[in-house]
């Protein structure tokens, strides 16, 4: 069951980021072939209907890294306790169940349809 909660409002719903081994950095150059641009769109992740849509990941490894990088950037003190794959209405979602510093649990929904199954 999805928990109702508020997440911090994204500065921009369609920010472009690159995912590196050490986290997320803003895209600083338009050089072709440097790093794949991963775009976060959609909602705040508080439910399936408001899932954070990840676009541009070349494979599952980079896509999942983008999920964790987004979480680290927006909720650095939250710890992931569980990750679940949900398939609903033709879309694929990763649901990260996080534990907040006060012990509460919150879910963050990511629409991973764009990269799911790419290796």
PDB file of N, CA and C in Angstrom:
ATOM      1  N   UNK A   1       0.844  -1.161   0.000  1.00  0.00           N
ATOM      2  CA  UNK A   1       0.000   0.000   0.000  1.00  0.00           C
ATOM      3  C   UNK A   1       0.899   1.237   0.000  1.00  0.00           C
ATOM      4  N   UNK A   2       0.566   2.195  -0.823  1.00  0.00           N
ATOM      5  CA  UNK A   2       1.361   3.427  -0.923  1.00  0.00           C
ATOM      6  C   UNK A   2       1.036   4.327   0.254  1.00  0.00           C
ATOM      7  N   UNK A   3       2.070   4.912   0.843  1.00  0.00           N
ATOM      8  CA  UNK A   3       1.897   5.845   1.946  1.00  0.00           C
ATOM      9  C   UNK A   3       1.782   7.249   1.378  1.00  0.00           C
ATOM     10  N   UNK A   4       0.911   8.022   1.964  1.00  0.00           N
ATOM     11  CA  UNK A   4       0.742   9.399   1.521  1.00  0.00           C
ATOM     12  C   UNK A   4       1.751  10.266   2.261  1.00  0.00           C
ATOM     13  N   UNK A   5       2.536  11.015   1.530  1.00  0.00           N
ATOM     14  CA  UNK A   5       3.499  11.910   2.162  1.00  0.00           C
ATOM     15  C   UNK A   5       3.934  12.982   1.182  1.00  0.00           C
ATOM     16  N   UNK A   6       4.534  14.007   1.710  1.00  0.00           N
ATOM     17  CA  UNK A   6       5.017  15.096   0.867  1.00  0.00           C
ATOM     18  C   UNK A   6       6.524  15.010   0.739  1.00  0.00           C
ATOM     19  N   UNK A   7       7.006  15.216  -0.457  1.00  0.00           N
ATOM     20  CA  UNK A   7       8.439  15.286  -0.708  1.00  0.00           C
ATOM     21  C   UNK A   7       8.776  16.725  -1.054  1.00  0.00           C
ATOM     22  N   UNK A   8      10.001  17.091  -0.905  1.00  0.00           N
ATOM     23  CA  UNK A   8      10.414  18.437  -1.292  1.00  0.00           C
ATOM     24  C   UNK A   8      10.134  18.653  -2.766  1.00  0.00           C
ATOM     25  N   UNK A   9       9.690  19.846  -3.117  1.00  0.00           N
ATOM     26  CA  UNK A   9       9.377  20.153  -4.515  1.00  0.00           C
ATOM     27  C   UNK A   9      10.677  20.235  -5.290  1.00  0.00           C
ATOM     28  N   UNK A  10      10.702  19.585  -6.438  1.00  0.00           N
ATOM     29  CA  UNK A  10      11.886  19.602  -7.288  1.00  0.00           C
ATOM     30  C   UNK A  10      12.106  21.010  -7.819  1.00  0.00           C
ATOM     31  N   UNK A  11      13.336  21.444  -7.870  1.00  0.00           N
ATOM     32  CA  UNK A  11      13.634  22.755  -8.427  1.00  0.00           C
ATOM     33  C   UNK A  11      13.168  22.845  -9.867  1.00  0.00           C
ATOM     34  N   UNK A  12      13.353  21.765 -10.581  1.00  0.00           N
ATOM     35  CA  UNK A  12      12.872  21.713 -11.955  1.00  0.00           C
ATOM     36  C   UNK A  12      12.474  20.288 -12.248  1.00  0.00           C
ATOM     37  N   UNK A  13      11.304  20.122 -12.816  1.00  0.00           N
ATOM     38  CA  UNK A  13      10.806  18.774 -13.055  1.00  0.00           C
ATOM     39  C   UNK A  13      11.589  18.087 -14.163  1.00  0.00           C
ATOM     40  N   UNK A  14      12.229  18.852 -15.016  1.00  0.00           N
ATOM     41  CA  UNK A  14      12.921  18.236 -16.138  1.00  0.00           C
ATOM     42  C   UNK A  14      14.411  18.556 -16.150  1.00  0.00           C
ATOM     43  N   UNK A  15      15.035  18.571 -14.994  1.00  0.00           N
ATOM     44  CA  UNK A  15      16.476  18.810 -14.914  1.00  0.00           C
ATOM     45  C   UNK A  15      17.230  17.690 -15.618  1.00  0.00           C
ATOM     46  N   UNK A  16      18.326  18.022 -16.234  1.00  0.00           N
ATOM     47  CA  UNK A  16      19.160  17.021 -16.883  1.00  0.00           C
ATOM     48  C   UNK A  16      20.394  16.805 -16.023  1.00  0.00           C
ATOM     49  N   UNK A  17      20.685  15.553 -15.740  1.00  0.00           N
ATOM     50  CA  UNK A  17      21.813  15.193 -14.883  1.00  0.00           C
ATOM     51  C   UNK A  17      22.611  14.106 -15.575  1.00  0.00           C
ATOM     52  N   UNK A  18      23.851  13.990 -15.212  1.00  0.00           N
ATOM     53  CA  UNK A  18      24.611  12.822 -15.625  1.00  0.00           C
ATOM     54  C   UNK A  18      24.898  12.015 -14.380  1.00  0.00           C
ATOM     55  N   UNK A  19      24.927  10.717 -14.543  1.00  0.00           N
ATOM     56  CA  UNK A  19      25.188   9.836 -13.420  1.00  0.00           C
ATOM     57  C   UNK A  19      26.608   9.317 -13.552  1.00  0.00           C
ATOM     58  N   UNK A  20      27.386   9.517 -12.527  1.00  0.00           N
ATOM     59  CA  UNK A  20      28.749   9.013 -12.518  1.00  0.00           C
ATOM     60  C   UNK A  20      28.889   8.025 -11.376  1.00  0.00           C
ATOM     61  N   UNK A  21      30.021   7.392 -11.295  1.00  0.00           N
ATOM     62  CA  UNK A  21      30.250   6.395 -10.247  1.00  0.00           C
ATOM     63  C   UNK A  21      30.147   7.016  -8.861  1.00  0.00           C
ATOM     64  N   UNK A  22      30.427   8.300  -8.753  1.00  0.00           N
ATOM     65  CA  UNK A  22      30.424   8.932  -7.433  1.00  0.00           C
ATOM     66  C   UNK A  22      29.182   9.777  -7.188  1.00  0.00           C
ATOM     67  N   UNK A  23      28.176   9.669  -8.013  1.00  0.00           N
ATOM     68  CA  UNK A  23      26.947  10.400  -7.745  1.00  0.00           C
ATOM     69  C   UNK A  23      26.401  11.096  -8.970  1.00  0.00           C
ATOM     70  N   UNK A  24      25.778  12.236  -8.741  1.00  0.00           N
ATOM     71  CA  UNK A  24      25.126  12.977  -9.804  1.00  0.00           C
ATOM     72  C   UNK A  24      25.767  14.342  -9.930  1.00  0.00           C
ATOM     73  N   UNK A  25      26.005  14.744 -11.138  1.00  0.00           N
ATOM     74  CA  UNK A  25      26.551  16.064 -11.398  1.00  0.00           C
ATOM     75  C   UNK A  25      25.682  16.726 -12.437  1.00  0.00           C
ATOM     76  N   UNK A  26      25.560  18.052 -12.384  1.00  0.00           N
ATOM     77  CA  UNK A  26      24.828  18.753 -13.428  1.00  0.00           C
ATOM     78  C   UNK A  26      25.593  18.632 -14.728  1.00  0.00           C
ATOM     79  N   UNK A  27      24.855  18.501 -15.803  1.00  0.00           N
ATOM     80  CA  UNK A  27      25.465  18.446 -17.127  1.00  0.00           C
ATOM     81  C   UNK A  27      26.086  19.800 -17.407  1.00  0.00           C
ATOM     82  N   UNK A  28      27.375  19.844 -17.693  1.00  0.00           N
ATOM     83  CA  UNK A  28      28.062  21.113 -17.839  1.00  0.00           C
ATOM     84  C   UNK A  28      28.473  21.415 -19.273  1.00  0.00           C
ATOM     85  N   UNK A  29      28.427  20.442 -20.151  1.00  0.00           N
ATOM     86  CA  UNK A  29      28.807  20.720 -21.526  1.00  0.00           C
ATOM     87  C   UNK A  29      27.885  19.976 -22.469  1.00  0.00           C
ATOM     88  N   UNK A  30      27.811  20.446 -23.675  1.00  0.00           N
ATOM     89  CA  UNK A  30      26.970  19.807 -24.671  1.00  0.00           C
ATOM     90  C   UNK A  30      27.753  18.857 -25.545  1.00  0.00           C
ATOM     91  N   UNK A  31      28.896  18.395 -25.097  1.00  0.00           N
ATOM     92  CA  UNK A  31      29.729  17.502 -25.897  1.00  0.00           C
ATOM     93  C   UNK A  31      29.007  16.189 -26.160  1.00  0.00           C
ATOM     94  N   UNK A  32      28.952  15.814 -27.413  1.00  0.00           N
ATOM     95  CA  UNK A  32      28.334  14.546 -27.796  1.00  0.00           C
ATOM     96  C   UNK A  32      29.199  13.387 -27.286  1.00  0.00           C
ATOM     97  N   UNK A  33      28.570  12.372 -26.756  1.00  0.00           N
ATOM     98  CA  UNK A  33      29.263  11.162 -26.361  1.00  0.00           C
ATOM     99  C   UNK A  33      29.993  11.243 -25.034  1.00  0.00           C
ATOM    100  N   UNK A  34      29.938  12.374 -24.335  1.00  0.00           N
ATOM    101  CA  UNK A  34      30.638  12.487 -23.062  1.00  0.00           C
ATOM    102  C   UNK A  34      30.023  11.510 -22.063  1.00  0.00           C
ATOM    103  N   UNK A  35      28.837  11.799 -21.588  1.00  0.00           N
ATOM    104  CA  UNK A  35      28.108  10.917 -20.694  1.00  0.00           C
ATOM    105  C   UNK A  35      26.650  10.969 -21.110  1.00  0.00           C
ATOM    106  N   UNK A  36      25.958   9.876 -20.911  1.00  0.00           N
ATOM    107  CA  UNK A  36      24.538   9.847 -21.258  1.00  0.00           C
ATOM    108  C   UNK A  36      23.785  10.820 -20.366  1.00  0.00           C
ATOM    109  N   UNK A  37      22.869  11.556 -20.959  1.00  0.00           N
ATOM    110  CA  UNK A  37      22.041  12.476 -20.189  1.00  0.00           C
ATOM    111  C   UNK A  37      20.844  11.711 -19.649  1.00  0.00           C
ATOM    112  N   UNK A  38      20.660  11.788 -18.369  1.00  0.00           N
ATOM    113  CA  UNK A  38      19.515  11.163 -17.731  1.00  0.00           C
ATOM    114  C   UNK A  38      18.614  12.283 -17.241  1.00  0.00           C
ATOM    115  N   UNK A  39      17.343  12.204 -17.626  1.00  0.00           N
ATOM    116  CA  UNK A  39      16.378  13.238 -17.294  1.00  0.00           C
ATOM    117  C   UNK A  39      15.376  12.704 -16.281  1.00  0.00           C
ATOM    118  N   UNK A  40      15.069  13.522 -15.291  1.00  0.00           N
ATOM    119  CA  UNK A  40      14.041  13.199 -14.308  1.00  0.00           C
ATOM    120  C   UNK A  40      12.828  14.078 -14.610  1.00  0.00           C
ATOM    121  N   UNK A  41      11.683  13.437 -14.828  1.00  0.00           N
ATOM    122  CA  UNK A  41      10.447  14.174 -15.093  1.00  0.00           C
ATOM    123  C   UNK A  41       9.344  13.588 -14.237  1.00  0.00           C
ATOM    124  N   UNK A  42       8.171  14.142 -14.374  1.00  0.00           N
ATOM    125  CA  UNK A  42       7.021  13.595 -13.665  1.00  0.00           C
ATOM    126  C   UNK A  42       6.773  14.297 -12.359  1.00  0.00           C
ATOM    127  N   UNK A  43       6.365  13.530 -11.378  1.00  0.00           N
ATOM    128  CA  UNK A  43       5.964  14.087 -10.090  1.00  0.00           C
ATOM    129  C   UNK A  43       7.039  14.026  -9.030  1.00  0.00           C
ATOM    130  N   UNK A  44       6.566  13.963  -7.787  1.00  0.00           N
ATOM    131  CA  UNK A  44       7.476  13.991  -6.641  1.00  0.00           C
ATOM    132  C   UNK A  44       7.815  12.610  -6.095  1.00  0.00           C
ATOM    133  N   UNK A  45       7.256  11.557  -6.707  1.00  0.00           N
ATOM    134  CA  UNK A  45       7.562  10.191  -6.288  1.00  0.00           C
ATOM    135  C   UNK A  45       6.732   9.668  -5.138  1.00  0.00           C
ATOM    136  N   UNK A  46       5.747  10.441  -4.687  1.00  0.00           N
ATOM    137  CA  UNK A  46       4.976  10.048  -3.505  1.00  0.00           C
ATOM    138  C   UNK A  46       3.944   8.951  -3.778  1.00  0.00           C
ATOM    139  N   UNK A  47       3.686   8.652  -5.058  1.00  0.00           N
ATOM    140  CA  UNK A  47       2.725   7.603  -5.413  1.00  0.00           C
ATOM    141  C   UNK A  47       3.004   7.145  -6.840  1.00  0.00           C
ATOM    142  N   UNK A  48       2.293   6.105  -7.267  1.00  0.00           N
ATOM    143  CA  UNK A  48       2.448   5.627  -8.639  1.00  0.00           C
ATOM    144  C   UNK A  48       2.040   6.721  -9.614  1.00  0.00           C
ATOM    145  N   UNK A  49       0.968   7.414  -9.308  1.00  0.00           N
ATOM    146  CA  UNK A  49       0.481   8.480 -10.173  1.00  0.00           C
ATOM    147  C   UNK A  49       1.439   9.668 -10.239  1.00  0.00           C
ATOM    148  N   UNK A  50       2.270   9.830  -9.225  1.00  0.00           N
ATOM    149  CA  UNK A  50       3.229  10.944  -9.157  1.00  0.00           C
ATOM    150  C   UNK A  50       4.669  10.445  -9.252  1.00  0.00           C
ATOM    151  N   UNK A  51       4.854   9.312  -9.912  1.00  0.00           N
ATOM    152  CA  UNK A  51       6.184   8.699 -10.013  1.00  0.00           C
ATOM    153  C   UNK A  51       7.175   9.627 -10.709  1.00  0.00           C
ATOM    154  N   UNK A  52       8.427   9.510 -10.307  1.00  0.00           N
ATOM    155  CA  UNK A  52       9.529  10.217 -10.952  1.00  0.00           C
ATOM    156  C   UNK A  52       9.910   9.382 -12.171  1.00  0.00           C
ATOM    157  N   UNK A  53       9.787   9.970 -13.339  1.00  0.00           N
ATOM    158  CA  UNK A  53      10.073   9.262 -14.586  1.00  0.00           C
ATOM    159  C   UNK A  53      11.545   9.460 -14.932  1.00  0.00           C
ATOM    160  N   UNK A  54      12.255   8.347 -15.126  1.00  0.00           N
ATOM    161  CA  UNK A  54      13.672   8.407 -15.483  1.00  0.00           C
ATOM    162  C   UNK A  54      13.794   8.107 -16.974  1.00  0.00           C
ATOM    163  N   UNK A  55      14.372   9.051 -17.708  1.00  0.00           N
ATOM    164  CA  UNK A  55      14.551   8.915 -19.157  1.00  0.00           C
ATOM    165  C   UNK A  55      16.026   9.046 -19.514  1.00  0.00           C
ATOM    166  N   UNK A  56      16.457   8.295 -20.508  1.00  0.00           N
ATOM    167  CA  UNK A  56      17.803   8.439 -21.039  1.00  0.00           C
ATOM    168  C   UNK A  56      18.857   7.505 -20.476  1.00  0.00           C
ATOM    169  N   UNK A  57      18.494   6.653 -19.521  1.00  0.00           N
ATOM    170  CA  UNK A  57      19.468   5.687 -19.003  1.00  0.00           C
ATOM    171  C   UNK A  57      19.677   4.606 -20.062  1.00  0.00           C
ATOM    172  N   UNK A  58      20.931   4.300 -20.365  1.00  0.00           N
ATOM    173  CA  UNK A  58      21.227   3.324 -21.418  1.00  0.00           C
ATOM    174  C   UNK A  58      20.963   1.882 -20.990  1.00  0.00           C
ATOM    175  N   UNK A  59      20.949   1.643 -19.684  1.00  0.00           N
ATOM    176  CA  UNK A  59      20.725   0.287 -19.202  1.00  0.00           C
ATOM    177  C   UNK A  59      20.226   0.330 -17.760  1.00  0.00           C
ATOM    178  N   UNK A  60      19.895  -0.848 -17.233  1.00  0.00           N
ATOM    179  CA  UNK A  60      19.363  -0.925 -15.869  1.00  0.00           C
ATOM    180  C   UNK A  60      20.366  -0.458 -14.822  1.00  0.00           C
ATOM    181  N   UNK A  61      21.629  -0.759 -15.027  1.00  0.00           N
ATOM    182  CA  UNK A  61      22.645  -0.354 -14.058  1.00  0.00           C
ATOM    183  C   UNK A  61      22.669   1.160 -13.896  1.00  0.00           C
ATOM    184  N   UNK A  62      22.676   1.863 -15.015  1.00  0.00           N
ATOM    185  CA  UNK A  62      22.691   3.333 -14.958  1.00  0.00           C
ATOM    186  C   UNK A  62      21.361   3.890 -14.462  1.00  0.00           C
ATOM    187  N   UNK A  63      20.273   3.236 -14.828  1.00  0.00           N
ATOM    188  CA  UNK A  63      18.962   3.683 -14.378  1.00  0.00           C
ATOM    189  C   UNK A  63      18.797   3.567 -12.877  1.00  0.00           C
ATOM    190  N   UNK A  64      19.197   2.443 -12.319  1.00  0.00           N
ATOM    191  CA  UNK A  64      19.096   2.255 -10.869  1.00  0.00           C
ATOM    192  C   UNK A  64      20.053   3.208 -10.152  1.00  0.00           C
ATOM    193  N   UNK A  65      21.232   3.421 -10.708  1.00  0.00           N
ATOM    194  CA  UNK A  65      22.160   4.399 -10.113  1.00  0.00           C
ATOM    195  C   UNK A  65      21.527   5.789 -10.088  1.00  0.00           C
ATOM    196  N   UNK A  66      20.771   6.115 -11.131  1.00  0.00           N
ATOM    197  CA  UNK A  66      20.087   7.409 -11.185  1.00  0.00           C
ATOM    198  C   UNK A  66      19.038   7.519 -10.076  1.00  0.00           C
ATOM    199  N   UNK A  67      18.330   6.429  -9.800  1.00  0.00           N
ATOM    200  CA  UNK A  67      17.343   6.430  -8.712  1.00  0.00           C
ATOM    201  C   UNK A  67      18.011   6.783  -7.388  1.00  0.00           C
ATOM    202  N   UNK A  68      19.090   6.093  -7.099  1.00  0.00           N
ATOM    203  CA  UNK A  68      19.778   6.316  -5.826  1.00  0.00           C
ATOM    204  C   UNK A  68      20.423   7.699  -5.772  1.00  0.00           C
ATOM    205  N   UNK A  69      20.909   8.177  -6.908  1.00  0.00           N
ATOM    206  CA  UNK A  69      21.488   9.523  -6.958  1.00  0.00           C
ATOM    207  C   UNK A  69      20.406  10.576  -6.728  1.00  0.00           C
ATOM    208  N   UNK A  70      19.228  10.380  -7.309  1.00  0.00           N
ATOM    209  CA  UNK A  70      18.117  11.317  -7.087  1.00  0.00           C
ATOM    210  C   UNK A  70      17.760  11.348  -5.606  1.00  0.00           C
ATOM    211  N   UNK A  71      17.654  10.162  -5.009  1.00  0.00           N
ATOM    212  CA  UNK A  71      17.300  10.077  -3.594  1.00  0.00           C
ATOM    213  C   UNK A  71      18.359  10.757  -2.725  1.00  0.00           C
ATOM    214  N   UNK A  72      19.636  10.521  -3.039  1.00  0.00           N
ATOM    215  CA  UNK A  72      20.715  11.136  -2.266  1.00  0.00           C
ATOM    216  C   UNK A  72      20.669  12.657  -2.373  1.00  0.00           C
ATOM    217  N   UNK A  73      20.379  13.170  -3.566  1.00  0.00           N
ATOM    218  CA  UNK A  73      20.331  14.614  -3.775  1.00  0.00           C
ATOM    219  C   UNK A  73      19.149  15.253  -3.046  1.00  0.00           C
ATOM    220  N   UNK A  74      17.991  14.601  -3.083  1.00  0.00           N
ATOM    221  CA  UNK A  74      16.775  15.207  -2.550  1.00  0.00           C
ATOM    222  C   UNK A  74      16.468  14.819  -1.104  1.00  0.00           C
ATOM    223  N   UNK A  75      16.974  13.691  -0.652  1.00  0.00           N
ATOM    224  CA  UNK A  75      16.700  13.210   0.712  1.00  0.00           C
ATOM    225  C   UNK A  75      17.932  12.477   1.233  1.00  0.00           C
ATOM    226  N   UNK A  76      19.001  13.196   1.434  1.00  0.00           N
ATOM    227  CA  UNK A  76      20.296  12.588   1.755  1.00  0.00           C
ATOM    228  C   UNK A  76      20.300  11.783   3.052  1.00  0.00           C
ATOM    229  N   UNK A  77      19.394  12.070   3.958  1.00  0.00           N
ATOM    230  CA  UNK A  77      19.393  11.354   5.241  1.00  0.00           C
ATOM    231  C   UNK A  77      18.472  10.134   5.250  1.00  0.00           C
ATOM    232  N   UNK A  78      17.772   9.907   4.152  1.00  0.00           N
ATOM    233  CA  UNK A  78      16.902   8.740   4.062  1.00  0.00           C
ATOM    234  C   UNK A  78      17.736   7.518   3.691  1.00  0.00           C
ATOM    235  N   UNK A  79      17.451   6.395   4.299  1.00  0.00           N
ATOM    236  CA  UNK A  79      18.157   5.145   4.003  1.00  0.00           C
ATOM    237  C   UNK A  79      17.188   4.171   3.335  1.00  0.00           C
ATOM    238  N   UNK A  80      17.639   3.550   2.261  1.00  0.00           N
ATOM    239  CA  UNK A  80      16.793   2.596   1.549  1.00  0.00           C
ATOM    240  C   UNK A  80      16.758   1.291   2.330  1.00  0.00           C
ATOM    241  N   UNK A  81      15.537   0.850   2.659  1.00  0.00           N
ATOM    242  CA  UNK A  81      15.352  -0.399   3.386  1.00  0.00           C
ATOM    243  C   UNK A  81      14.941  -1.528   2.449  1.00  0.00           C
ATOM    244  N   UNK A  82      14.262  -1.163   1.348  1.00  0.00           N
ATOM    245  CA  UNK A  82      13.751  -2.185   0.432  1.00  0.00           C
ATOM    246  C   UNK A  82      13.546  -1.563  -0.936  1.00  0.00           C
ATOM    247  N   UNK A  83      13.711  -2.388  -1.968  1.00  0.00           N
ATOM    248  CA  UNK A  83      13.446  -1.968  -3.334  1.00  0.00           C
ATOM    249  C   UNK A  83      12.547  -3.016  -3.967  1.00  0.00           C
ATOM    250  N   UNK A  84      11.431  -2.560  -4.554  1.00  0.00           N
ATOM    251  CA  UNK A  84      10.461  -3.483  -5.137  1.00  0.00           C
ATOM    252  C   UNK A  84      10.172  -3.112  -6.583  1.00  0.00           C
ATOM    253  N   UNK A  85       9.960  -4.117  -7.413  1.00  0.00           N
ATOM    254  CA  UNK A  85       9.564  -3.912  -8.799  1.00  0.00           C
ATOM    255  C   UNK A  85       8.057  -4.121  -8.887  1.00  0.00           C
ATOM    256  N   UNK A  86       7.357  -3.128  -9.444  1.00  0.00           N
ATOM    257  CA  UNK A  86       5.909  -3.194  -9.615  1.00  0.00           C
ATOM    258  C   UNK A  86       5.606  -2.998 -11.091  1.00  0.00           C
ATOM    259  N   UNK A  87       4.772  -3.863 -11.659  1.00  0.00           N
ATOM    260  CA  UNK A  87       4.330  -3.710 -13.043  1.00  0.00           C
ATOM    261  C   UNK A  87       2.832  -3.440 -13.004  1.00  0.00           C
ATOM    262  N   UNK A  88       2.443  -2.294 -13.553  1.00  0.00           N
ATOM    263  CA  UNK A  88       1.044  -1.877 -13.481  1.00  0.00           C
ATOM    264  C   UNK A  88       0.678  -1.111 -14.740  1.00  0.00           C
ATOM    265  N   UNK A  89      -0.388  -1.516 -15.382  1.00  0.00           N
ATOM    266  CA  UNK A  89      -0.923  -0.832 -16.571  1.00  0.00           C
ATOM    267  C   UNK A  89       0.139  -0.596 -17.637  1.00  0.00           C
ATOM    268  N   UNK A  90       0.959  -1.627 -17.899  1.00  0.00           N
ATOM    269  CA  UNK A  90       1.954  -1.555 -18.955  1.00  0.00           C
ATOM    270  C   UNK A  90       3.221  -0.797 -18.605  1.00  0.00           C
ATOM    271  N   UNK A  91       3.327  -0.298 -17.397  1.00  0.00           N
ATOM    272  CA  UNK A  91       4.522   0.434 -16.981  1.00  0.00           C
ATOM    273  C   UNK A  91       5.245  -0.340 -15.892  1.00  0.00           C
ATOM    274  N   UNK A  92       6.538  -0.045 -15.767  1.00  0.00           N
ATOM    275  CA  UNK A  92       7.365  -0.672 -14.744  1.00  0.00           C
ATOM    276  C   UNK A  92       7.823   0.396 -13.756  1.00  0.00           C
ATOM    277  N   UNK A  93       7.771   0.031 -12.464  1.00  0.00           N
ATOM    278  CA  UNK A  93       8.137   0.968 -11.411  1.00  0.00           C
ATOM    279  C   UNK A  93       9.094   0.306 -10.429  1.00  0.00           C
ATOM    280  N   UNK A  94      10.052   1.071  -9.955  1.00  0.00           N
ATOM    281  CA  UNK A  94      10.832   0.692  -8.781  1.00  0.00           C
ATOM    282  C   UNK A  94      10.278   1.509  -7.639  1.00  0.00           C
ATOM    283  N   UNK A  95       9.976   0.840  -6.534  1.00  0.00           N
ATOM    284  CA  UNK A  95       9.493   1.521  -5.346  1.00  0.00           C
ATOM    285  C   UNK A  95      10.552   1.329  -4.271  1.00  0.00           C
ATOM    286  N   UNK A  96      11.150   2.448  -3.854  1.00  0.00           N
ATOM    287  CA  UNK A  96      12.153   2.401  -2.800  1.00  0.00           C
ATOM    288  C   UNK A  96      11.479   2.740  -1.481  1.00  0.00           C
ATOM    289  N   UNK A  97      11.502   1.795  -0.549  1.00  0.00           N
ATOM    290  CA  UNK A  97      10.983   2.049   0.792  1.00  0.00           C
ATOM    291  C   UNK A  97      12.147   2.562   1.618  1.00  0.00           C
ATOM    292  N   UNK A  98      11.977   3.776   2.126  1.00  0.00           N
ATOM    293  CA  UNK A  98      13.064   4.451   2.831  1.00  0.00           C
ATOM    294  C   UNK A  98      12.724   4.641   4.302  1.00  0.00           C
ATOM    295  N   UNK A  99      13.751   4.620   5.127  1.00  0.00           N
ATOM    296  CA  UNK A  99      13.598   4.897   6.544  1.00  0.00           C
ATOM    297  C   UNK A  99      14.163   6.286   6.805  1.00  0.00           C
ATOM    298  N   UNK A 100      13.342   7.146   7.389  1.00  0.00           N
ATOM    299  CA  UNK A 100      13.744   8.503   7.715  1.00  0.00           C
ATOM    300  C   UNK A 100      14.498   8.508   9.039  1.00  0.00           C
ATOM    301  N   UNK A 101      15.208   9.580   9.337  1.00  0.00           N
ATOM    302  CA  UNK A 101      15.971   9.639  10.598  1.00  0.00           C
ATOM    303  C   UNK A 101      15.119   9.391  11.848  1.00  0.00           C
ATOM    304  N   UNK A 102      13.814   9.739  11.798  1.00  0.00           N
ATOM    305  CA  UNK A 102      12.957   9.528  12.971  1.00  0.00           C
ATOM    306  C   UNK A 102      12.325   8.138  13.004  1.00  0.00           C
ATOM    307  N   UNK A 103      12.692   7.278  12.037  1.00  0.00           N
ATOM    308  CA  UNK A 103      12.198   5.906  12.010  1.00  0.00           C
ATOM    309  C   UNK A 103      10.977   5.686  11.122  1.00  0.00           C
ATOM    310  N   UNK A 104      10.347   6.742  10.645  1.00  0.00           N
ATOM    311  CA  UNK A 104       9.209   6.596   9.736  1.00  0.00           C
ATOM    312  C   UNK A 104       9.656   5.950   8.431  1.00  0.00           C
ATOM    313  N   UNK A 105       8.723   5.285   7.769  1.00  0.00           N
ATOM    314  CA  UNK A 105       9.007   4.712   6.454  1.00  0.00           C
ATOM    315  C   UNK A 105       8.198   5.463   5.404  1.00  0.00           C
ATOM    316  N   UNK A 106       8.845   5.757   4.289  1.00  0.00           N
ATOM    317  CA  UNK A 106       8.218   6.434   3.160  1.00  0.00           C
ATOM    318  C   UNK A 106       8.578   5.685   1.889  1.00  0.00           C
ATOM    319  N   UNK A 107       7.694   5.740   0.907  1.00  0.00           N
ATOM    320  CA  UNK A 107       7.959   5.139  -0.393  1.00  0.00           C
ATOM    321  C   UNK A 107       8.249   6.231  -1.418  1.00  0.00           C
ATOM    322  N   UNK A 108       9.198   5.933  -2.301  1.00  0.00           N
ATOM    323  CA  UNK A 108       9.489   6.812  -3.433  1.00  0.00           C
ATOM    324  C   UNK A 108       9.333   5.954  -4.690  1.00  0.00           C
ATOM    325  N   UNK A 109       8.444   6.402  -5.587  1.00  0.00           N
ATOM    326  CA  UNK A 109       8.125   5.667  -6.813  1.00  0.00           C
ATOM    327  C   UNK A 109       8.898   6.238  -7.992  1.00  0.00           C
ATOM    328  N   UNK A 110       9.545   5.344  -8.759  1.00  0.00           N
ATOM    329  CA  UNK A 110      10.255   5.716  -9.981  1.00  0.00           C
ATOM    330  C   UNK A 110       9.650   4.936 -11.140  1.00  0.00           C
ATOM    331  N   UNK A 111       9.294   5.629 -12.221  1.00  0.00           N
ATOM    332  CA  UNK A 111       8.850   4.975 -13.449  1.00  0.00           C
ATOM    333  C   UNK A 111      10.107   4.612 -14.226  1.00  0.00           C
ATOM    334  N   UNK A 112      10.373   3.312 -14.341  1.00  0.00           N
ATOM    335  CA  UNK A 112      11.605   2.828 -14.967  1.00  0.00           C
ATOM    336  C   UNK A 112      11.336   2.188 -16.329  1.00  0.00           C
ATOM    337  N   UNK A 113      10.171   2.461 -16.889  1.00  0.00           N
ATOM    338  CA  UNK A 113       9.774   1.842 -18.154  1.00  0.00           C
ATOM    339  C   UNK A 113      10.767   2.104 -19.277  1.00  0.00           C
ATOM    340  N   UNK A 114      11.406   3.258 -19.275  1.00  0.00           N
ATOM    341  CA  UNK A 114      12.326   3.638 -20.354  1.00  0.00           C
ATOM    342  C   UNK A 114      13.585   2.768 -20.395  1.00  0.00           C
ATOM    343  N   UNK A 115      14.061   2.301 -19.251  1.00  0.00           N
ATOM    344  CA  UNK A 115      15.304   1.513 -19.239  1.00  0.00           C
ATOM    345  C   UNK A 115      15.142   0.082 -18.765  1.00  0.00           C
ATOM    346  N   UNK A 116      13.982  -0.287 -18.277  1.00  0.00           N
ATOM    347  CA  UNK A 116      13.785  -1.640 -17.749  1.00  0.00           C
ATOM    348  C   UNK A 116      14.040  -2.676 -18.837  1.00  0.00           C
ATOM    349  N   UNK A 117      14.862  -3.667 -18.534  1.00  0.00           N
ATOM    350  CA  UNK A 117      15.164  -4.747 -19.465  1.00  0.00           C
ATOM    351  C   UNK A 117      16.328  -4.486 -20.399  1.00  0.00           C
ATOM    352  N   UNK A 118      16.938  -3.306 -20.305  1.00  0.00           N
ATOM    353  CA  UNK A 118      18.109  -2.999 -21.127  1.00  0.00           C
ATOM    354  C   UNK A 118      19.360  -3.366 -20.350  1.00  0.00           C
ATOM    355  N   UNK A 119      20.252  -4.115 -20.997  1.00  0.00           N
ATOM    356  CA  UNK A 119      21.471  -4.558 -20.308  1.00  0.00           C
ATOM    357  C   UNK A 119      22.717  -4.039 -20.961  1.00  0.00           C
TER     358      UNK A 119
END
